[in-house]
Amino acid sequence: MADGDLMRKDIKEVEAEAVAYLCCATLGLPGLEESRDYIQGWLGSKEQSDEFSQKSASRVFSAADKILKAGTKSANADEVSK
């Protein structure tokens, strides 16, 4: 993340939680309700919600996409090598 050092800690945390939520939801893993509660609680104010939607949403979807694709590539490589 190029601007990671410039971001507030709470924004980093909610972005990380949102990435985890998307990955867990896609993979059918537990913990979605707790994750959703945390994200919704953080986005509870209009100011924070607006701040999140400016850049964070794009970073969240990009990071989740990279993580999920990396897992797929790894699984596919293992299958090919057998």
PDB file of N, CA and C in Angstrom:
ATOM      1  N   MET A   1       0.850  -1.161   0.000  1.00  0.00           N
ATOM      2  CA  MET A   1       0.000   0.000   0.000  1.00  0.00           C
ATOM      3  C   MET A   1       0.900   1.230   0.000  1.00  0.00           C
ATOM      4  N   ALA A   2       0.832   2.012  -1.037  1.00  0.00           N
ATOM      5  CA  ALA A   2       1.715   3.159  -1.206  1.00  0.00           C
ATOM      6  C   ALA A   2       1.481   4.241  -0.163  1.00  0.00           C
ATOM      7  N   ASP A   3       0.260   4.476   0.220  1.00  0.00           N
ATOM      8  CA  ASP A   3      -0.026   5.547   1.171  1.00  0.00           C
ATOM      9  C   ASP A   3      -0.286   5.025   2.581  1.00  0.00           C
ATOM     10  N   GLY A   4       0.167   3.823   2.862  1.00  0.00           N
ATOM     11  CA  GLY A   4      -0.088   3.198   4.147  1.00  0.00           C
ATOM     12  C   GLY A   4       0.427   3.974   5.334  1.00  0.00           C
ATOM     13  N   ASP A   5       1.609   4.589   5.217  1.00  0.00           N
ATOM     14  CA  ASP A   5       2.165   5.341   6.329  1.00  0.00           C
ATOM     15  C   ASP A   5       1.401   6.627   6.588  1.00  0.00           C
ATOM     16  N   LEU A   6       0.666   7.111   5.588  1.00  0.00           N
ATOM     17  CA  LEU A   6      -0.061   8.361   5.726  1.00  0.00           C
ATOM     18  C   LEU A   6      -1.484   8.161   6.239  1.00  0.00           C
ATOM     19  N   MET A   7      -1.945   6.927   6.254  1.00  0.00           N
ATOM     20  CA  MET A   7      -3.320   6.642   6.661  1.00  0.00           C
ATOM     21  C   MET A   7      -3.443   6.537   8.176  1.00  0.00           C
ATOM     22  N   ARG A   8      -4.589   6.949   8.675  1.00  0.00           N
ATOM     23  CA  ARG A   8      -4.880   6.795  10.104  1.00  0.00           C
ATOM     24  C   ARG A   8      -5.030   5.314  10.434  1.00  0.00           C
ATOM     25  N   LYS A   9      -4.697   4.976  11.655  1.00  0.00           N
ATOM     26  CA  LYS A   9      -4.757   3.579  12.089  1.00  0.00           C
ATOM     27  C   LYS A   9      -6.169   3.015  11.994  1.00  0.00           C
ATOM     28  N   ASP A  10      -7.189   3.804  12.351  1.00  0.00           N
ATOM     29  CA  ASP A  10      -8.553   3.282  12.320  1.00  0.00           C
ATOM     30  C   ASP A  10      -9.007   2.980  10.889  1.00  0.00           C
ATOM     31  N   ILE A  11      -8.538   3.750   9.926  1.00  0.00           N
ATOM     32  CA  ILE A  11      -8.891   3.473   8.532  1.00  0.00           C
ATOM     33  C   ILE A  11      -8.208   2.191   8.070  1.00  0.00           C
ATOM     34  N   LYS A  12      -6.949   2.017   8.442  1.00  0.00           N
ATOM     35  CA  LYS A  12      -6.238   0.780   8.103  1.00  0.00           C
ATOM     36  C   LYS A  12      -6.977  -0.429   8.677  1.00  0.00           C
ATOM     37  N   GLU A  13      -7.423  -0.296   9.920  1.00  0.00           N
ATOM     38  CA  GLU A  13      -8.098  -1.411  10.578  1.00  0.00           C
ATOM     39  C   GLU A  13      -9.425  -1.753   9.913  1.00  0.00           C
ATOM     40  N   VAL A  14     -10.220  -0.752   9.566  1.00  0.00           N
ATOM     41  CA  VAL A  14     -11.510  -1.051   8.960  1.00  0.00           C
ATOM     42  C   VAL A  14     -11.319  -1.580   7.539  1.00  0.00           C
ATOM     43  N   GLU A  15     -10.304  -1.108   6.840  1.00  0.00           N
ATOM     44  CA  GLU A  15     -10.022  -1.659   5.514  1.00  0.00           C
ATOM     45  C   GLU A  15      -9.617  -3.128   5.635  1.00  0.00           C
ATOM     46  N   ALA A  16      -8.760  -3.429   6.585  1.00  0.00           N
ATOM     47  CA  ALA A  16      -8.335  -4.816   6.780  1.00  0.00           C
ATOM     48  C   ALA A  16      -9.523  -5.702   7.146  1.00  0.00           C
ATOM     49  N   GLU A  17     -10.398  -5.200   7.994  1.00  0.00           N
ATOM     50  CA  GLU A  17     -11.587  -5.964   8.391  1.00  0.00           C
ATOM     51  C   GLU A  17     -12.507  -6.186   7.195  1.00  0.00           C
ATOM     52  N   ALA A  18     -12.640  -5.177   6.345  1.00  0.00           N
ATOM     53  CA  ALA A  18     -13.496  -5.309   5.161  1.00  0.00           C
ATOM     54  C   ALA A  18     -12.913  -6.322   4.177  1.00  0.00           C
ATOM     55  N   VAL A  19     -11.597  -6.327   4.020  1.00  0.00           N
ATOM     56  CA  VAL A  19     -10.951  -7.321   3.156  1.00  0.00           C
ATOM     57  C   VAL A  19     -11.180  -8.721   3.717  1.00  0.00           C
ATOM     58  N   ALA A  20     -10.980  -8.865   5.019  1.00  0.00           N
ATOM     59  CA  ALA A  20     -11.202 -10.166   5.654  1.00  0.00           C
ATOM     60  C   ALA A  20     -12.649 -10.617   5.478  1.00  0.00           C
ATOM     61  N   TYR A  21     -13.579  -9.679   5.635  1.00  0.00           N
ATOM     62  CA  TYR A  21     -14.994 -10.005   5.475  1.00  0.00           C
ATOM     63  C   TYR A  21     -15.267 -10.529   4.064  1.00  0.00           C
ATOM     64  N   LEU A  22     -14.792  -9.833   3.057  1.00  0.00           N
ATOM     65  CA  LEU A  22     -15.035 -10.256   1.670  1.00  0.00           C
ATOM     66  C   LEU A  22     -14.418 -11.621   1.384  1.00  0.00           C
ATOM     67  N   CYS A  23     -13.208 -11.831   1.862  1.00  0.00           N
ATOM     68  CA  CYS A  23     -12.548 -13.122   1.627  1.00  0.00           C
ATOM     69  C   CYS A  23     -13.283 -14.253   2.351  1.00  0.00           C
ATOM     70  N   CYS A  24     -13.651 -14.026   3.588  1.00  0.00           N
ATOM     71  CA  CYS A  24     -14.371 -15.057   4.347  1.00  0.00           C
ATOM     72  C   CYS A  24     -15.739 -15.342   3.734  1.00  0.00           C
ATOM     73  N   ALA A  25     -16.428 -14.300   3.292  1.00  0.00           N
ATOM     74  CA  ALA A  25     -17.735 -14.487   2.665  1.00  0.00           C
ATOM     75  C   ALA A  25     -17.599 -15.298   1.384  1.00  0.00           C
ATOM     76  N   THR A  26     -16.594 -14.996   0.607  1.00  0.00           N
ATOM     77  CA  THR A  26     -16.372 -15.714  -0.655  1.00  0.00           C
ATOM     78  C   THR A  26     -16.021 -17.173  -0.408  1.00  0.00           C
ATOM     79  N   LEU A  27     -15.248 -17.428   0.630  1.00  0.00           N
ATOM     80  CA  LEU A  27     -14.782 -18.789   0.914  1.00  0.00           C
ATOM     81  C   LEU A  27     -15.708 -19.559   1.852  1.00  0.00           C
ATOM     82  N   GLY A  28     -16.770 -18.921   2.307  1.00  0.00           N
ATOM     83  CA  GLY A  28     -17.722 -19.592   3.187  1.00  0.00           C
ATOM     84  C   GLY A  28     -17.193 -19.839   4.588  1.00  0.00           C
ATOM     85  N   LEU A  29     -16.329 -18.966   5.066  1.00  0.00           N
ATOM     86  CA  LEU A  29     -15.752 -19.123   6.400  1.00  0.00           C
ATOM     87  C   LEU A  29     -16.602 -18.421   7.451  1.00  0.00           C
ATOM     88  N   PRO A  30     -16.471 -18.823   8.711  1.00  0.00           N
ATOM     89  CA  PRO A  30     -17.267 -18.213   9.790  1.00  0.00           C
ATOM     90  C   PRO A  30     -16.752 -16.833  10.179  1.00  0.00           C
ATOM     91  N   GLY A  31     -17.540 -16.148  11.008  1.00  0.00           N
ATOM     92  CA  GLY A  31     -17.133 -14.869  11.580  1.00  0.00           C
ATOM     93  C   GLY A  31     -17.689 -13.660  10.865  1.00  0.00           C
ATOM     94  N   LEU A  32     -18.583 -13.890   9.912  1.00  0.00           N
ATOM     95  CA  LEU A  32     -19.092 -12.773   9.114  1.00  0.00           C
ATOM     96  C   LEU A  32     -19.914 -11.789   9.937  1.00  0.00           C
ATOM     97  N   GLU A  33     -20.704 -12.297  10.859  1.00  0.00           N
ATOM     98  CA  GLU A  33     -21.575 -11.407  11.636  1.00  0.00           C
ATOM     99  C   GLU A  33     -20.751 -10.443  12.496  1.00  0.00           C
ATOM    100  N   GLU A  34     -19.727 -10.957  13.156  1.00  0.00           N
ATOM    101  CA  GLU A  34     -18.877 -10.105  13.986  1.00  0.00           C
ATOM    102  C   GLU A  34     -18.134  -9.078  13.130  1.00  0.00           C
ATOM    103  N   SER A  35     -17.643  -9.519  12.009  1.00  0.00           N
ATOM    104  CA  SER A  35     -16.928  -8.626  11.100  1.00  0.00           C
ATOM    105  C   SER A  35     -17.852  -7.535  10.577  1.00  0.00           C
ATOM    106  N   ARG A  36     -19.035  -7.925  10.184  1.00  0.00           N
ATOM    107  CA  ARG A  36     -20.019  -6.962   9.674  1.00  0.00           C
ATOM    108  C   ARG A  36     -20.386  -5.946  10.755  1.00  0.00           C
ATOM    109  N   ASP A  37     -20.559  -6.397  11.988  1.00  0.00           N
ATOM    110  CA  ASP A  37     -20.876  -5.490  13.089  1.00  0.00           C
ATOM    111  C   ASP A  37     -19.772  -4.460  13.285  1.00  0.00           C
ATOM    112  N   TYR A  38     -18.518  -4.899  13.224  1.00  0.00           N
ATOM    113  CA  TYR A  38     -17.386  -3.987  13.392  1.00  0.00           C
ATOM    114  C   TYR A  38     -17.372  -2.938  12.279  1.00  0.00           C
ATOM    115  N   ILE A  39     -17.521  -3.385  11.050  1.00  0.00           N
ATOM    116  CA  ILE A  39     -17.491  -2.470   9.904  1.00  0.00           C
ATOM    117  C   ILE A  39     -18.653  -1.486   9.966  1.00  0.00           C
ATOM    118  N   GLN A  40     -19.841  -1.982  10.239  1.00  0.00           N
ATOM    119  CA  GLN A  40     -21.007  -1.099  10.320  1.00  0.00           C
ATOM    120  C   GLN A  40     -20.874  -0.109  11.465  1.00  0.00           C
ATOM    121  N   GLY A  41     -20.314  -0.545  12.572  1.00  0.00           N
ATOM    122  CA  GLY A  41     -20.104   0.355  13.699  1.00  0.00           C
ATOM    123  C   GLY A  41     -19.133   1.469  13.347  1.00  0.00           C
ATOM    124  N   TRP A  42     -18.076   1.116  12.643  1.00  0.00           N
ATOM    125  CA  TRP A  42     -17.097   2.118  12.253  1.00  0.00           C
ATOM    126  C   TRP A  42     -17.674   3.086  11.232  1.00  0.00           C
ATOM    127  N   LEU A  43     -18.480   2.587  10.314  1.00  0.00           N
ATOM    128  CA  LEU A  43     -19.068   3.429   9.271  1.00  0.00           C
ATOM    129  C   LEU A  43     -20.314   4.164   9.748  1.00  0.00           C
ATOM    130  N   GLY A  44     -20.580   4.118  11.038  1.00  0.00           N
ATOM    131  CA  GLY A  44     -21.795   4.691  11.595  1.00  0.00           C
ATOM    132  C   GLY A  44     -21.964   6.178  11.411  1.00  0.00           C
ATOM    133  N   SER A  45     -20.871   6.923  11.313  1.00  0.00           N
ATOM    134  CA  SER A  45     -21.010   8.366  11.125  1.00  0.00           C
ATOM    135  C   SER A  45     -20.863   8.709   9.645  1.00  0.00           C
ATOM    136  N   LYS A  46     -21.536   9.745   9.222  1.00  0.00           N
ATOM    137  CA  LYS A  46     -21.480  10.170   7.822  1.00  0.00           C
ATOM    138  C   LYS A  46     -20.056  10.548   7.437  1.00  0.00           C
ATOM    139  N   GLU A  47     -19.351  11.214   8.334  1.00  0.00           N
ATOM    140  CA  GLU A  47     -17.973  11.628   8.042  1.00  0.00           C
ATOM    141  C   GLU A  47     -17.080  10.421   7.761  1.00  0.00           C
ATOM    142  N   GLN A  48     -17.157   9.417   8.615  1.00  0.00           N
ATOM    143  CA  GLN A  48     -16.343   8.222   8.419  1.00  0.00           C
ATOM    144  C   GLN A  48     -16.785   7.451   7.186  1.00  0.00           C
ATOM    145  N   SER A  49     -18.062   7.364   6.956  1.00  0.00           N
ATOM    146  CA  SER A  49     -18.572   6.673   5.781  1.00  0.00           C
ATOM    147  C   SER A  49     -18.099   7.356   4.503  1.00  0.00           C
ATOM    148  N   ASP A  50     -18.159   8.682   4.468  1.00  0.00           N
ATOM    149  CA  ASP A  50     -17.683   9.425   3.300  1.00  0.00           C
ATOM    150  C   ASP A  50     -16.190   9.228   3.094  1.00  0.00           C
ATOM    151  N   GLU A  51     -15.440   9.259   4.185  1.00  0.00           N
ATOM    152  CA  GLU A  51     -13.994   9.074   4.101  1.00  0.00           C
ATOM    153  C   GLU A  51     -13.661   7.687   3.559  1.00  0.00           C
ATOM    154  N   PHE A  52     -14.400   6.694   4.019  1.00  0.00           N
ATOM    155  CA  PHE A  52     -14.178   5.319   3.556  1.00  0.00           C
ATOM    156  C   PHE A  52     -14.482   5.190   2.077  1.00  0.00           C
ATOM    157  N   SER A  53     -15.564   5.788   1.623  1.00  0.00           N
ATOM    158  CA  SER A  53     -15.982   5.600   0.240  1.00  0.00           C
ATOM    159  C   SER A  53     -15.080   6.312  -0.756  1.00  0.00           C
ATOM    160  N   GLN A  54     -14.310   7.300  -0.320  1.00  0.00           N
ATOM    161  CA  GLN A  54     -13.459   8.040  -1.245  1.00  0.00           C
ATOM    162  C   GLN A  54     -12.363   7.170  -1.847  1.00  0.00           C
ATOM    163  N   LYS A  55     -11.602   6.474  -1.046  1.00  0.00           N
ATOM    164  CA  LYS A  55     -10.504   5.652  -1.549  1.00  0.00           C
ATOM    165  C   LYS A  55     -10.518   4.236  -0.998  1.00  0.00           C
ATOM    166  N   SER A  56     -11.009   4.081   0.202  1.00  0.00           N
ATOM    167  CA  SER A  56     -10.904   2.798   0.876  1.00  0.00           C
ATOM    168  C   SER A  56     -11.633   1.679   0.162  1.00  0.00           C
ATOM    169  N   ALA A  57     -12.823   1.947  -0.337  1.00  0.00           N
ATOM    170  CA  ALA A  57     -13.587   0.886  -0.989  1.00  0.00           C
ATOM    171  C   ALA A  57     -12.806   0.294  -2.152  1.00  0.00           C
ATOM    172  N   SER A  58     -12.180   1.119  -2.928  1.00  0.00           N
ATOM    173  CA  SER A  58     -11.383   0.645  -4.055  1.00  0.00           C
ATOM    174  C   SER A  58     -10.213  -0.208  -3.580  1.00  0.00           C
ATOM    175  N   ARG A  59      -9.531   0.233  -2.527  1.00  0.00           N
ATOM    176  CA  ARG A  59      -8.407  -0.549  -1.986  1.00  0.00           C
ATOM    177  C   ARG A  59      -8.882  -1.878  -1.423  1.00  0.00           C
ATOM    178  N   VAL A  60     -10.028  -1.868  -0.765  1.00  0.00           N
ATOM    179  CA  VAL A  60     -10.569  -3.087  -0.163  1.00  0.00           C
ATOM    180  C   VAL A  60     -10.868  -4.128  -1.245  1.00  0.00           C
ATOM    181  N   PHE A  61     -11.590  -3.717  -2.274  1.00  0.00           N
ATOM    182  CA  PHE A  61     -11.933  -4.667  -3.331  1.00  0.00           C
ATOM    183  C   PHE A  61     -10.691  -5.154  -4.072  1.00  0.00           C
ATOM    184  N   SER A  62      -9.736  -4.282  -4.294  1.00  0.00           N
ATOM    185  CA  SER A  62      -8.500  -4.668  -4.965  1.00  0.00           C
ATOM    186  C   SER A  62      -7.713  -5.684  -4.139  1.00  0.00           C
ATOM    187  N   ALA A  63      -7.575  -5.422  -2.841  1.00  0.00           N
ATOM    188  CA  ALA A  63      -6.833  -6.334  -1.974  1.00  0.00           C
ATOM    189  C   ALA A  63      -7.525  -7.694  -1.866  1.00  0.00           C
ATOM    190  N   ALA A  64      -8.836  -7.689  -1.678  1.00  0.00           N
ATOM    191  CA  ALA A  64      -9.569  -8.956  -1.587  1.00  0.00           C
ATOM    192  C   ALA A  64      -9.443  -9.744  -2.883  1.00  0.00           C
ATOM    193  N   ASP A  65      -9.540  -9.060  -4.011  1.00  0.00           N
ATOM    194  CA  ASP A  65      -9.407  -9.711  -5.310  1.00  0.00           C
ATOM    195  C   ASP A  65      -8.027 -10.361  -5.457  1.00  0.00           C
ATOM    196  N   LYS A  66      -6.981  -9.638  -5.067  1.00  0.00           N
ATOM    197  CA  LYS A  66      -5.616 -10.186  -5.160  1.00  0.00           C
ATOM    198  C   LYS A  66      -5.445 -11.402  -4.264  1.00  0.00           C
ATOM    199  N   ILE A  67      -5.968 -11.336  -3.059  1.00  0.00           N
ATOM    200  CA  ILE A  67      -5.856 -12.461  -2.128  1.00  0.00           C
ATOM    201  C   ILE A  67      -6.576 -13.684  -2.677  1.00  0.00           C
ATOM    202  N   LEU A  68      -7.791 -13.492  -3.146  1.00  0.00           N
ATOM    203  CA  LEU A  68      -8.576 -14.619  -3.649  1.00  0.00           C
ATOM    204  C   LEU A  68      -7.974 -15.196  -4.923  1.00  0.00           C
ATOM    205  N   LYS A  69      -7.464 -14.352  -5.793  1.00  0.00           N
ATOM    206  CA  LYS A  69      -6.808 -14.844  -7.012  1.00  0.00           C
ATOM    207  C   LYS A  69      -5.517 -15.578  -6.680  1.00  0.00           C
ATOM    208  N   ALA A  70      -4.773 -15.093  -5.699  1.00  0.00           N
ATOM    209  CA  ALA A  70      -3.536 -15.757  -5.303  1.00  0.00           C
ATOM    210  C   ALA A  70      -3.828 -17.162  -4.790  1.00  0.00           C
ATOM    211  N   GLY A  71      -4.889 -17.309  -4.033  1.00  0.00           N
ATOM    212  CA  GLY A  71      -5.273 -18.632  -3.546  1.00  0.00           C
ATOM    213  C   GLY A  71      -5.664 -19.555  -4.683  1.00  0.00           C
ATOM    214  N   THR A  72      -6.325 -19.019  -5.682  1.00  0.00           N
ATOM    215  CA  THR A  72      -6.731 -19.810  -6.839  1.00  0.00           C
ATOM    216  C   THR A  72      -5.526 -20.243  -7.650  1.00  0.00           C
ATOM    217  N   LYS A  73      -4.582 -19.345  -7.870  1.00  0.00           N
ATOM    218  CA  LYS A  73      -3.379 -19.677  -8.630  1.00  0.00           C
ATOM    219  C   LYS A  73      -2.592 -20.762  -7.929  1.00  0.00           C
ATOM    220  N   SER A  74      -2.485 -20.655  -6.609  1.00  0.00           N
ATOM    221  CA  SER A  74      -1.747 -21.630  -5.834  1.00  0.00           C
ATOM    222  C   SER A  74      -2.408 -23.006  -5.943  1.00  0.00           C
ATOM    223  N   ALA A  75      -3.716 -23.033  -5.826  1.00  0.00           N
ATOM    224  CA  ALA A  75      -4.460 -24.295  -5.926  1.00  0.00           C
ATOM    225  C   ALA A  75      -4.304 -24.887  -7.318  1.00  0.00           C
ATOM    226  N   ASN A  76      -4.379 -24.056  -8.341  1.00  0.00           N
ATOM    227  CA  ASN A  76      -4.236 -24.530  -9.711  1.00  0.00           C
ATOM    228  C   ASN A  76      -2.827 -25.049  -9.977  1.00  0.00           C
ATOM    229  N   ALA A  77      -1.815 -24.391  -9.450  1.00  0.00           N
ATOM    230  CA  ALA A  77      -0.438 -24.833  -9.636  1.00  0.00           C
ATOM    231  C   ALA A  77      -0.223 -26.189  -8.976  1.00  0.00           C
ATOM    232  N   ASP A  78      -0.806 -26.404  -7.810  1.00  0.00           N
ATOM    233  CA  ASP A  78      -0.685 -27.684  -7.135  1.00  0.00           C
ATOM    234  C   ASP A  78      -1.322 -28.804  -7.945  1.00  0.00           C
ATOM    235  N   GLU A  79      -2.452 -28.531  -8.551  1.00  0.00           N
ATOM    236  CA  GLU A  79      -3.155 -29.534  -9.361  1.00  0.00           C
ATOM    237  C   GLU A  79      -2.349 -29.886 -10.603  1.00  0.00           C
ATOM    238  N   VAL A  80      -1.729 -28.893 -11.240  1.00  0.00           N
ATOM    239  CA  VAL A  80      -0.962 -29.113 -12.457  1.00  0.00           C
ATOM    240  C   VAL A  80       0.270 -29.943 -12.165  1.00  0.00           C
ATOM    241  N   SER A  81       0.879 -29.734 -11.005  1.00  0.00           N
ATOM    242  CA  SER A  81       2.115 -30.448 -10.679  1.00  0.00           C
ATOM    243  C   SER A  81       1.884 -31.908 -10.302  1.00  0.00           C
ATOM    244  N   LYS A  82       0.661 -32.308 -10.059  1.00  0.00           N
ATOM    245  CA  LYS A  82       0.386 -33.703  -9.660  1.00  0.00           C
ATOM    246  C   LYS A  82       0.426 -34.638 -10.826  1.00  0.00           C
TER     247      LYS A  82
END
